[in-house]
Amino acid sequence: MEIHAHSRETNGKFTEREDMKNIFAIAYMDENGNGFTENEPWIDGEYSTIPEIRERAVELFQDGMTNIIPFEIVDEIVSYSWDYVKRHRVKGWV
């Protein structure tokens, strides 16, 4: 089983793990201020530590991406909305 999300870099797929604890991703808007849709952000990666998401978030920022929000993946769903991202955002990652 795969978890799908909208990502330009990973073809939108997260692999399923037996232990879904501490799996993070980063939601963002592209350099033009667009998400995948109006209600869904672009999603980057599958990370397991705060330092990993911090490093990748800096890279996204340097590439011109905006509204960068790391979040924890706690549900196996097809798509992640901005509302989901905000409810599961990682606090204190900066």
PDB file of N, CA and C in Angstrom:
ATOM      1  N   MET A   1       0.841  -1.177   0.000  1.00  0.00           N
ATOM      2  CA  MET A   1       0.000   0.000   0.000  1.00  0.00           C
ATOM      3  C   MET A   1       0.885   1.239   0.000  1.00  0.00           C
ATOM      4  N   GLU A   2       0.467   2.272  -0.691  1.00  0.00           N
ATOM      5  CA  GLU A   2       1.214   3.516  -0.737  1.00  0.00           C
ATOM      6  C   GLU A   2       0.339   4.655  -0.254  1.00  0.00           C
ATOM      7  N   ILE A   3       0.982   5.660   0.312  1.00  0.00           N
ATOM      8  CA  ILE A   3       0.287   6.878   0.685  1.00  0.00           C
ATOM      9  C   ILE A   3       0.567   7.887  -0.413  1.00  0.00           C
ATOM     10  N   HIS A   4      -0.465   8.447  -0.994  1.00  0.00           N
ATOM     11  CA  HIS A   4      -0.276   9.390  -2.088  1.00  0.00           C
ATOM     12  C   HIS A   4      -0.450  10.819  -1.604  1.00  0.00           C
ATOM     13  N   ALA A   5       0.365  11.686  -2.109  1.00  0.00           N
ATOM     14  CA  ALA A   5       0.258  13.112  -1.845  1.00  0.00           C
ATOM     15  C   ALA A   5       0.768  13.818  -3.082  1.00  0.00           C
ATOM     16  N   HIS A   6       0.598  15.090  -3.135  1.00  0.00           N
ATOM     17  CA  HIS A   6       0.974  15.838  -4.328  1.00  0.00           C
ATOM     18  C   HIS A   6       2.394  16.360  -4.181  1.00  0.00           C
ATOM     19  N   SER A   7       3.274  15.818  -4.948  1.00  0.00           N
ATOM     20  CA  SER A   7       4.665  16.214  -4.897  1.00  0.00           C
ATOM     21  C   SER A   7       5.235  16.206  -6.292  1.00  0.00           C
ATOM     22  N   ARG A   8       5.975  17.255  -6.600  1.00  0.00           N
ATOM     23  CA  ARG A   8       6.606  17.305  -7.902  1.00  0.00           C
ATOM     24  C   ARG A   8       7.884  16.488  -7.918  1.00  0.00           C
ATOM     25  N   GLU A   9       8.428  16.172  -6.753  1.00  0.00           N
ATOM     26  CA  GLU A   9       9.728  15.522  -6.719  1.00  0.00           C
ATOM     27  C   GLU A   9       9.682  14.029  -6.422  1.00  0.00           C
ATOM     28  N   THR A  10       8.647  13.545  -5.795  1.00  0.00           N
ATOM     29  CA  THR A  10       8.596  12.128  -5.441  1.00  0.00           C
ATOM     30  C   THR A  10       7.451  11.420  -6.146  1.00  0.00           C
ATOM     31  N   ASN A  11       6.917  12.028  -7.187  1.00  0.00           N
ATOM     32  CA  ASN A  11       5.778  11.474  -7.913  1.00  0.00           C
ATOM     33  C   ASN A  11       4.583  11.255  -7.007  1.00  0.00           C
ATOM     34  N   GLY A  12       4.548  12.000  -5.888  1.00  0.00           N
ATOM     35  CA  GLY A  12       3.387  11.972  -5.016  1.00  0.00           C
ATOM     36  C   GLY A  12       3.199  10.701  -4.215  1.00  0.00           C
ATOM     37  N   LYS A  13       4.249   9.924  -3.995  1.00  0.00           N
ATOM     38  CA  LYS A  13       4.059   8.661  -3.285  1.00  0.00           C
ATOM     39  C   LYS A  13       4.947   8.580  -2.048  1.00  0.00           C
ATOM     40  N   PHE A  14       4.343   8.184  -0.963  1.00  0.00           N
ATOM     41  CA  PHE A  14       5.059   7.852   0.250  1.00  0.00           C
ATOM     42  C   PHE A  14       4.954   6.341   0.394  1.00  0.00           C
ATOM     43  N   THR A  15       5.992   5.700   0.816  1.00  0.00           N
ATOM     44  CA  THR A  15       5.902   4.262   1.025  1.00  0.00           C
ATOM     45  C   THR A  15       5.339   3.986   2.403  1.00  0.00           C
ATOM     46  N   GLU A  16       4.608   2.916   2.516  1.00  0.00           N
ATOM     47  CA  GLU A  16       4.024   2.564   3.810  1.00  0.00           C
ATOM     48  C   GLU A  16       5.113   1.992   4.711  1.00  0.00           C
ATOM     49  N   ARG A  17       5.055   2.375   5.973  1.00  0.00           N
ATOM     50  CA  ARG A  17       5.959   1.834   6.964  1.00  0.00           C
ATOM     51  C   ARG A  17       5.126   1.130   8.022  1.00  0.00           C
ATOM     52  N   GLU A  18       5.700   0.119   8.610  1.00  0.00           N
ATOM     53  CA  GLU A  18       4.983  -0.576   9.671  1.00  0.00           C
ATOM     54  C   GLU A  18       4.716   0.350  10.842  1.00  0.00           C
ATOM     55  N   ASP A  19       5.688   1.151  11.202  1.00  0.00           N
ATOM     56  CA  ASP A  19       5.551   2.060  12.330  1.00  0.00           C
ATOM     57  C   ASP A  19       5.356   3.466  11.791  1.00  0.00           C
ATOM     58  N   MET A  20       4.137   3.972  11.874  1.00  0.00           N
ATOM     59  CA  MET A  20       3.834   5.288  11.309  1.00  0.00           C
ATOM     60  C   MET A  20       4.212   6.430  12.249  1.00  0.00           C
ATOM     61  N   LYS A  21       4.937   6.157  13.333  1.00  0.00           N
ATOM     62  CA  LYS A  21       5.346   7.216  14.250  1.00  0.00           C
ATOM     63  C   LYS A  21       6.470   8.019  13.617  1.00  0.00           C
ATOM     64  N   ASN A  22       6.431   9.304  13.869  1.00  0.00           N
ATOM     65  CA  ASN A  22       7.495  10.203  13.459  1.00  0.00           C
ATOM     66  C   ASN A  22       7.793  10.187  11.964  1.00  0.00           C
ATOM     67  N   ILE A  23       6.766  10.229  11.182  1.00  0.00           N
ATOM     68  CA  ILE A  23       6.942  10.435   9.750  1.00  0.00           C
ATOM     69  C   ILE A  23       6.465  11.848   9.457  1.00  0.00           C
ATOM     70  N   PHE A  24       7.346  12.625   8.870  1.00  0.00           N
ATOM     71  CA  PHE A  24       7.067  14.018   8.588  1.00  0.00           C
ATOM     72  C   PHE A  24       7.141  14.298   7.095  1.00  0.00           C
ATOM     73  N   ALA A  25       6.466  15.326   6.688  1.00  0.00           N
ATOM     74  CA  ALA A  25       6.548  15.826   5.317  1.00  0.00           C
ATOM     75  C   ALA A  25       6.518  17.354   5.398  1.00  0.00           C
ATOM     76  N   ILE A  26       6.721  17.987   4.271  1.00  0.00           N
ATOM     77  CA  ILE A  26       6.717  19.446   4.232  1.00  0.00           C
ATOM     78  C   ILE A  26       5.718  19.898   3.180  1.00  0.00           C
ATOM     79  N   ALA A  27       4.773  20.703   3.616  1.00  0.00           N
ATOM     80  CA  ALA A  27       3.805  21.318   2.702  1.00  0.00           C
ATOM     81  C   ALA A  27       4.367  22.674   2.280  1.00  0.00           C
ATOM     82  N   TYR A  28       4.092  23.049   1.028  1.00  0.00           N
ATOM     83  CA  TYR A  28       4.585  24.352   0.567  1.00  0.00           C
ATOM     84  C   TYR A  28       3.820  24.808  -0.663  1.00  0.00           C
ATOM     85  N   MET A  29       4.007  26.083  -0.974  1.00  0.00           N
ATOM     86  CA  MET A  29       3.515  26.660  -2.223  1.00  0.00           C
ATOM     87  C   MET A  29       4.727  26.870  -3.123  1.00  0.00           C
ATOM     88  N   ASP A  30       4.523  26.765  -4.417  1.00  0.00           N
ATOM     89  CA  ASP A  30       5.641  26.924  -5.346  1.00  0.00           C
ATOM     90  C   ASP A  30       6.066  28.379  -5.465  1.00  0.00           C
ATOM     91  N   GLU A  31       7.048  28.604  -6.316  1.00  0.00           N
ATOM     92  CA  GLU A  31       7.616  29.940  -6.476  1.00  0.00           C
ATOM     93  C   GLU A  31       6.610  30.963  -7.013  1.00  0.00           C
ATOM     94  N   ASN A  32       5.499  30.495  -7.550  1.00  0.00           N
ATOM     95  CA  ASN A  32       4.442  31.392  -8.034  1.00  0.00           C
ATOM     96  C   ASN A  32       3.314  31.559  -7.019  1.00  0.00           C
ATOM     97  N   GLY A  33       3.480  30.969  -5.835  1.00  0.00           N
ATOM     98  CA  GLY A  33       2.468  31.080  -4.795  1.00  0.00           C
ATOM     99  C   GLY A  33       1.308  30.116  -4.947  1.00  0.00           C
ATOM    100  N   ASN A  34       1.516  29.039  -5.710  1.00  0.00           N
ATOM    101  CA  ASN A  34       0.461  28.057  -5.945  1.00  0.00           C
ATOM    102  C   ASN A  34       0.747  26.754  -5.218  1.00  0.00           C
ATOM    103  N   GLY A  35      -0.330  26.125  -4.734  1.00  0.00           N
ATOM    104  CA  GLY A  35      -0.242  24.768  -4.223  1.00  0.00           C
ATOM    105  C   GLY A  35      -0.642  23.825  -5.346  1.00  0.00           C
ATOM    106  N   PHE A  36      -0.851  22.557  -5.022  1.00  0.00           N
ATOM    107  CA  PHE A  36      -1.315  21.603  -6.031  1.00  0.00           C
ATOM    108  C   PHE A  36      -2.703  22.017  -6.510  1.00  0.00           C
ATOM    109  N   THR A  37      -3.562  22.364  -5.551  1.00  0.00           N
ATOM    110  CA  THR A  37      -4.862  22.967  -5.832  1.00  0.00           C
ATOM    111  C   THR A  37      -5.029  24.111  -4.848  1.00  0.00           C
ATOM    112  N   GLU A  38      -6.146  24.771  -4.891  1.00  0.00           N
ATOM    113  CA  GLU A  38      -6.398  25.867  -3.958  1.00  0.00           C
ATOM    114  C   GLU A  38      -6.394  25.384  -2.507  1.00  0.00           C
ATOM    115  N   ASN A  39      -6.858  24.164  -2.277  1.00  0.00           N
ATOM    116  CA  ASN A  39      -6.966  23.628  -0.914  1.00  0.00           C
ATOM    117  C   ASN A  39      -5.887  22.617  -0.542  1.00  0.00           C
ATOM    118  N   GLU A  40      -5.011  22.281  -1.493  1.00  0.00           N
ATOM    119  CA  GLU A  40      -3.987  21.279  -1.243  1.00  0.00           C
ATOM    120  C   GLU A  40      -2.604  21.836  -1.593  1.00  0.00           C
ATOM    121  N   PRO A  41      -1.656  21.694  -0.673  1.00  0.00           N
ATOM    122  CA  PRO A  41      -0.301  22.160  -0.954  1.00  0.00           C
ATOM    123  C   PRO A  41       0.484  21.138  -1.765  1.00  0.00           C
ATOM    124  N   TRP A  42       1.631  21.575  -2.268  1.00  0.00           N
ATOM    125  CA  TRP A  42       2.617  20.622  -2.743  1.00  0.00           C
ATOM    126  C   TRP A  42       3.177  19.945  -1.502  1.00  0.00           C
ATOM    127  N   ILE A  43       3.556  18.685  -1.607  1.00  0.00           N
ATOM    128  CA  ILE A  43       4.101  17.935  -0.482  1.00  0.00           C
ATOM    129  C   ILE A  43       5.482  17.429  -0.872  1.00  0.00           C
ATOM    130  N   ASP A  44       6.433  17.605   0.045  1.00  0.00           N
ATOM    131  CA  ASP A  44       7.799  17.151  -0.205  1.00  0.00           C
ATOM    132  C   ASP A  44       8.200  16.099   0.811  1.00  0.00           C
ATOM    133  N   GLY A  45       8.687  15.004   0.303  1.00  0.00           N
ATOM    134  CA  GLY A  45       9.429  14.028   1.054  1.00  0.00           C
ATOM    135  C   GLY A  45       8.737  13.240   2.132  1.00  0.00           C
ATOM    136  N   GLU A  46       9.538  12.430   2.729  1.00  0.00           N
ATOM    137  CA  GLU A  46       9.169  11.595   3.867  1.00  0.00           C
ATOM    138  C   GLU A  46      10.387  11.603   4.778  1.00  0.00           C
ATOM    139  N   TYR A  47      10.240  12.244   5.909  1.00  0.00           N
ATOM    140  CA  TYR A  47      11.373  12.451   6.812  1.00  0.00           C
ATOM    141  C   TYR A  47      11.058  11.867   8.176  1.00  0.00           C
ATOM    142  N   SER A  48      12.106  11.515   8.916  1.00  0.00           N
ATOM    143  CA  SER A  48      11.883  10.905  10.226  1.00  0.00           C
ATOM    144  C   SER A  48      12.416  11.736  11.387  1.00  0.00           C
ATOM    145  N   THR A  49      13.134  12.830  11.095  1.00  0.00           N
ATOM    146  CA  THR A  49      13.668  13.650  12.186  1.00  0.00           C
ATOM    147  C   THR A  49      13.443  15.139  11.916  1.00  0.00           C
ATOM    148  N   ILE A  50      13.431  15.898  12.993  1.00  0.00           N
ATOM    149  CA  ILE A  50      13.297  17.357  12.882  1.00  0.00           C
ATOM    150  C   ILE A  50      14.492  17.962  12.132  1.00  0.00           C
ATOM    151  N   PRO A  51      15.738  17.554  12.413  1.00  0.00           N
ATOM    152  CA  PRO A  51      16.856  18.107  11.639  1.00  0.00           C
ATOM    153  C   PRO A  51      16.715  17.872  10.131  1.00  0.00           C
ATOM    154  N   GLU A  52      16.176  16.734   9.737  1.00  0.00           N
ATOM    155  CA  GLU A  52      15.965  16.474   8.306  1.00  0.00           C
ATOM    156  C   GLU A  52      14.967  17.459   7.706  1.00  0.00           C
ATOM    157  N   ILE A  53      13.855  17.681   8.403  1.00  0.00           N
ATOM    158  CA  ILE A  53      12.869  18.600   7.832  1.00  0.00           C
ATOM    159  C   ILE A  53      13.378  20.034   7.869  1.00  0.00           C
ATOM    160  N   ARG A  54      14.147  20.368   8.884  1.00  0.00           N
ATOM    161  CA  ARG A  54      14.720  21.718   8.974  1.00  0.00           C
ATOM    162  C   ARG A  54      15.638  21.970   7.777  1.00  0.00           C
ATOM    163  N   GLU A  55      16.508  21.018   7.484  1.00  0.00           N
ATOM    164  CA  GLU A  55      17.447  21.147   6.363  1.00  0.00           C
ATOM    165  C   GLU A  55      16.698  21.272   5.030  1.00  0.00           C
ATOM    166  N   ARG A  56      15.705  20.426   4.824  1.00  0.00           N
ATOM    167  CA  ARG A  56      14.955  20.459   3.560  1.00  0.00           C
ATOM    168  C   ARG A  56      14.118  21.722   3.443  1.00  0.00           C
ATOM    169  N   ALA A  57      13.553  22.190   4.549  1.00  0.00           N
ATOM    170  CA  ALA A  57      12.760  23.424   4.519  1.00  0.00           C
ATOM    171  C   ALA A  57      13.629  24.611   4.101  1.00  0.00           C
ATOM    172  N   VAL A  58      14.852  24.650   4.575  1.00  0.00           N
ATOM    173  CA  VAL A  58      15.780  25.720   4.179  1.00  0.00           C
ATOM    174  C   VAL A  58      16.054  25.639   2.679  1.00  0.00           C
ATOM    175  N   GLU A  59      16.247  24.440   2.157  1.00  0.00           N
ATOM    176  CA  GLU A  59      16.478  24.268   0.712  1.00  0.00           C
ATOM    177  C   GLU A  59      15.266  24.748  -0.093  1.00  0.00           C
ATOM    178  N   LEU A  60      14.061  24.383   0.359  1.00  0.00           N
ATOM    179  CA  LEU A  60      12.850  24.835  -0.342  1.00  0.00           C
ATOM    180  C   LEU A  60      12.760  26.355  -0.336  1.00  0.00           C
ATOM    181  N   PHE A  61      13.051  26.962   0.804  1.00  0.00           N
ATOM    182  CA  PHE A  61      13.036  28.418   0.907  1.00  0.00           C
ATOM    183  C   PHE A  61      14.049  29.034  -0.057  1.00  0.00           C
ATOM    184  N   GLN A  62      15.246  28.480  -0.100  1.00  0.00           N
ATOM    185  CA  GLN A  62      16.286  28.992  -0.999  1.00  0.00           C
ATOM    186  C   GLN A  62      15.905  28.827  -2.465  1.00  0.00           C
ATOM    187  N   ASP A  63      15.066  27.843  -2.758  1.00  0.00           N
ATOM    188  CA  ASP A  63      14.589  27.626  -4.128  1.00  0.00           C
ATOM    189  C   ASP A  63      13.377  28.498  -4.468  1.00  0.00           C
ATOM    190  N   GLY A  64      12.943  29.327  -3.515  1.00  0.00           N
ATOM    191  CA  GLY A  64      11.854  30.259  -3.785  1.00  0.00           C
ATOM    192  C   GLY A  64      10.466  29.789  -3.391  1.00  0.00           C
ATOM    193  N   MET A  65      10.363  28.643  -2.702  1.00  0.00           N
ATOM    194  CA  MET A  65       9.057  28.151  -2.272  1.00  0.00           C
ATOM    195  C   MET A  65       8.572  28.975  -1.083  1.00  0.00           C
ATOM    196  N   THR A  66       7.258  29.021  -0.900  1.00  0.00           N
ATOM    197  CA  THR A  66       6.680  29.833   0.171  1.00  0.00           C
ATOM    198  C   THR A  66       5.715  28.996   1.008  1.00  0.00           C
ATOM    199  N   ASN A  67       5.253  29.594   2.090  1.00  0.00           N
ATOM    200  CA  ASN A  67       4.292  28.952   3.003  1.00  0.00           C
ATOM    201  C   ASN A  67       4.745  27.543   3.364  1.00  0.00           C
ATOM    202  N   ILE A  68       5.988  27.429   3.769  1.00  0.00           N
ATOM    203  CA  ILE A  68       6.616  26.141   4.067  1.00  0.00           C
ATOM    204  C   ILE A  68       6.214  25.707   5.473  1.00  0.00           C
ATOM    205  N   ILE A  69       5.523  24.558   5.560  1.00  0.00           N
ATOM    206  CA  ILE A  69       5.028  24.075   6.843  1.00  0.00           C
ATOM    207  C   ILE A  69       5.328  22.582   6.987  1.00  0.00           C
ATOM    208  N   PRO A  70       6.293  22.230   7.831  1.00  0.00           N
ATOM    209  CA  PRO A  70       6.500  20.810   8.137  1.00  0.00           C
ATOM    210  C   PRO A  70       5.318  20.286   8.959  1.00  0.00           C
ATOM    211  N   PHE A  71       4.931  19.050   8.689  1.00  0.00           N
ATOM    212  CA  PHE A  71       3.821  18.451   9.433  1.00  0.00           C
ATOM    213  C   PHE A  71       4.064  16.965   9.613  1.00  0.00           C
ATOM    214  N   GLU A  72       3.374  16.410  10.608  1.00  0.00           N
ATOM    215  CA  GLU A  72       3.487  14.982  10.876  1.00  0.00           C
ATOM    216  C   GLU A  72       2.394  14.238  10.134  1.00  0.00           C
ATOM    217  N   ILE A  73       2.764  13.149   9.511  1.00  0.00           N
ATOM    218  CA  ILE A  73       1.792  12.295   8.835  1.00  0.00           C
ATOM    219  C   ILE A  73       1.280  11.306   9.877  1.00  0.00           C
ATOM    220  N   VAL A  74       0.019  11.469  10.250  1.00  0.00           N
ATOM    221  CA  VAL A  74      -0.560  10.593  11.266  1.00  0.00           C
ATOM    222  C   VAL A  74      -1.680   9.727  10.703  1.00  0.00           C
ATOM    223  N   ASP A  75      -2.116  10.008   9.490  1.00  0.00           N
ATOM    224  CA  ASP A  75      -3.197   9.262   8.850  1.00  0.00           C
ATOM    225  C   ASP A  75      -2.770   8.851   7.453  1.00  0.00           C
ATOM    226  N   GLU A  76      -3.130   7.648   7.054  1.00  0.00           N
ATOM    227  CA  GLU A  76      -2.878   7.192   5.692  1.00  0.00           C
ATOM    228  C   GLU A  76      -4.039   7.662   4.822  1.00  0.00           C
ATOM    229  N   ILE A  77      -3.866   8.789   4.169  1.00  0.00           N
ATOM    230  CA  ILE A  77      -4.918   9.332   3.320  1.00  0.00           C
ATOM    231  C   ILE A  77      -4.375   9.622   1.936  1.00  0.00           C
ATOM    232  N   VAL A  78      -5.255   9.812   0.982  1.00  0.00           N
ATOM    233  CA  VAL A  78      -4.863  10.026  -0.406  1.00  0.00           C
ATOM    234  C   VAL A  78      -4.282  11.413  -0.621  1.00  0.00           C
ATOM    235  N   SER A  79      -4.843  12.405   0.047  1.00  0.00           N
ATOM    236  CA  SER A  79      -4.439  13.783  -0.191  1.00  0.00           C
ATOM    237  C   SER A  79      -4.405  14.546   1.123  1.00  0.00           C
ATOM    238  N   TYR A  80      -3.480  15.476   1.233  1.00  0.00           N
ATOM    239  CA  TYR A  80      -3.346  16.289   2.439  1.00  0.00           C
ATOM    240  C   TYR A  80      -3.753  17.724   2.144  1.00  0.00           C
ATOM    241  N   SER A  81      -4.769  18.207   2.832  1.00  0.00           N
ATOM    242  CA  SER A  81      -5.252  19.576   2.644  1.00  0.00           C
ATOM    243  C   SER A  81      -4.440  20.525   3.525  1.00  0.00           C
ATOM    244  N   TRP A  82      -4.556  21.827   3.240  1.00  0.00           N
ATOM    245  CA  TRP A  82      -3.926  22.823   4.103  1.00  0.00           C
ATOM    246  C   TRP A  82      -4.469  22.696   5.517  1.00  0.00           C
ATOM    247  N   ASP A  83      -5.740  22.378   5.669  1.00  0.00           N
ATOM    248  CA  ASP A  83      -6.334  22.220   6.989  1.00  0.00           C
ATOM    249  C   ASP A  83      -5.663  21.074   7.743  1.00  0.00           C
ATOM    250  N   TYR A  84      -5.455  19.949   7.074  1.00  0.00           N
ATOM    251  CA  TYR A  84      -4.771  18.807   7.688  1.00  0.00           C
ATOM    252  C   TYR A  84      -3.356  19.208   8.095  1.00  0.00           C
ATOM    253  N   VAL A  85      -2.645  19.865   7.191  1.00  0.00           N
ATOM    254  CA  VAL A  85      -1.268  20.290   7.457  1.00  0.00           C
ATOM    255  C   VAL A  85      -1.221  21.181   8.695  1.00  0.00           C
ATOM    256  N   LYS A  86      -2.119  22.137   8.781  1.00  0.00           N
ATOM    257  CA  LYS A  86      -2.123  23.062   9.923  1.00  0.00           C
ATOM    258  C   LYS A  86      -2.461  22.349  11.230  1.00  0.00           C
ATOM    259  N   ARG A  87      -3.356  21.371  11.178  1.00  0.00           N
ATOM    260  CA  ARG A  87      -3.709  20.617  12.388  1.00  0.00           C
ATOM    261  C   ARG A  87      -2.549  19.751  12.883  1.00  0.00           C
ATOM    262  N   HIS A  88      -1.673  19.329  11.965  1.00  0.00           N
ATOM    263  CA  HIS A  88      -0.581  18.415  12.320  1.00  0.00           C
ATOM    264  C   HIS A  88       0.793  19.054  12.155  1.00  0.00           C
ATOM    265  N   ARG A  89       0.834  20.374  12.125  1.00  0.00           N
ATOM    266  CA  ARG A  89       2.110  21.073  11.919  1.00  0.00           C
ATOM    267  C   ARG A  89       3.090  20.754  13.036  1.00  0.00           C
ATOM    268  N   VAL A  90       4.355  20.770  12.683  1.00  0.00           N
ATOM    269  CA  VAL A  90       5.429  20.528  13.651  1.00  0.00           C
ATOM    270  C   VAL A  90       5.750  21.860  14.305  1.00  0.00           C
ATOM    271  N   LYS A  91       5.560  21.919  15.597  1.00  0.00           N
ATOM    272  CA  LYS A  91       5.875  23.151  16.338  1.00  0.00           C
ATOM    273  C   LYS A  91       7.333  23.121  16.770  1.00  0.00           C
ATOM    274  N   GLY A  92       7.963  24.265  16.738  1.00  0.00           N
ATOM    275  CA  GLY A  92       9.338  24.381  17.210  1.00  0.00           C
ATOM    276  C   GLY A  92      10.397  23.842  16.275  1.00  0.00           C
ATOM    277  N   TRP A  93      10.076  23.718  14.999  1.00  0.00           N
ATOM    278  CA  TRP A  93      11.059  23.165  14.054  1.00  0.00           C
ATOM    279  C   TRP A  93      12.084  24.191  13.604  1.00  0.00           C
ATOM    280  N   VAL A  94      11.772  25.465  13.764  1.00  0.00           N
ATOM    281  CA  VAL A  94      12.685  26.524  13.323  1.00  0.00           C
ATOM    282  C   VAL A  94      13.707  26.811  14.385  1.00  0.00           C
TER     283      VAL A  94
END
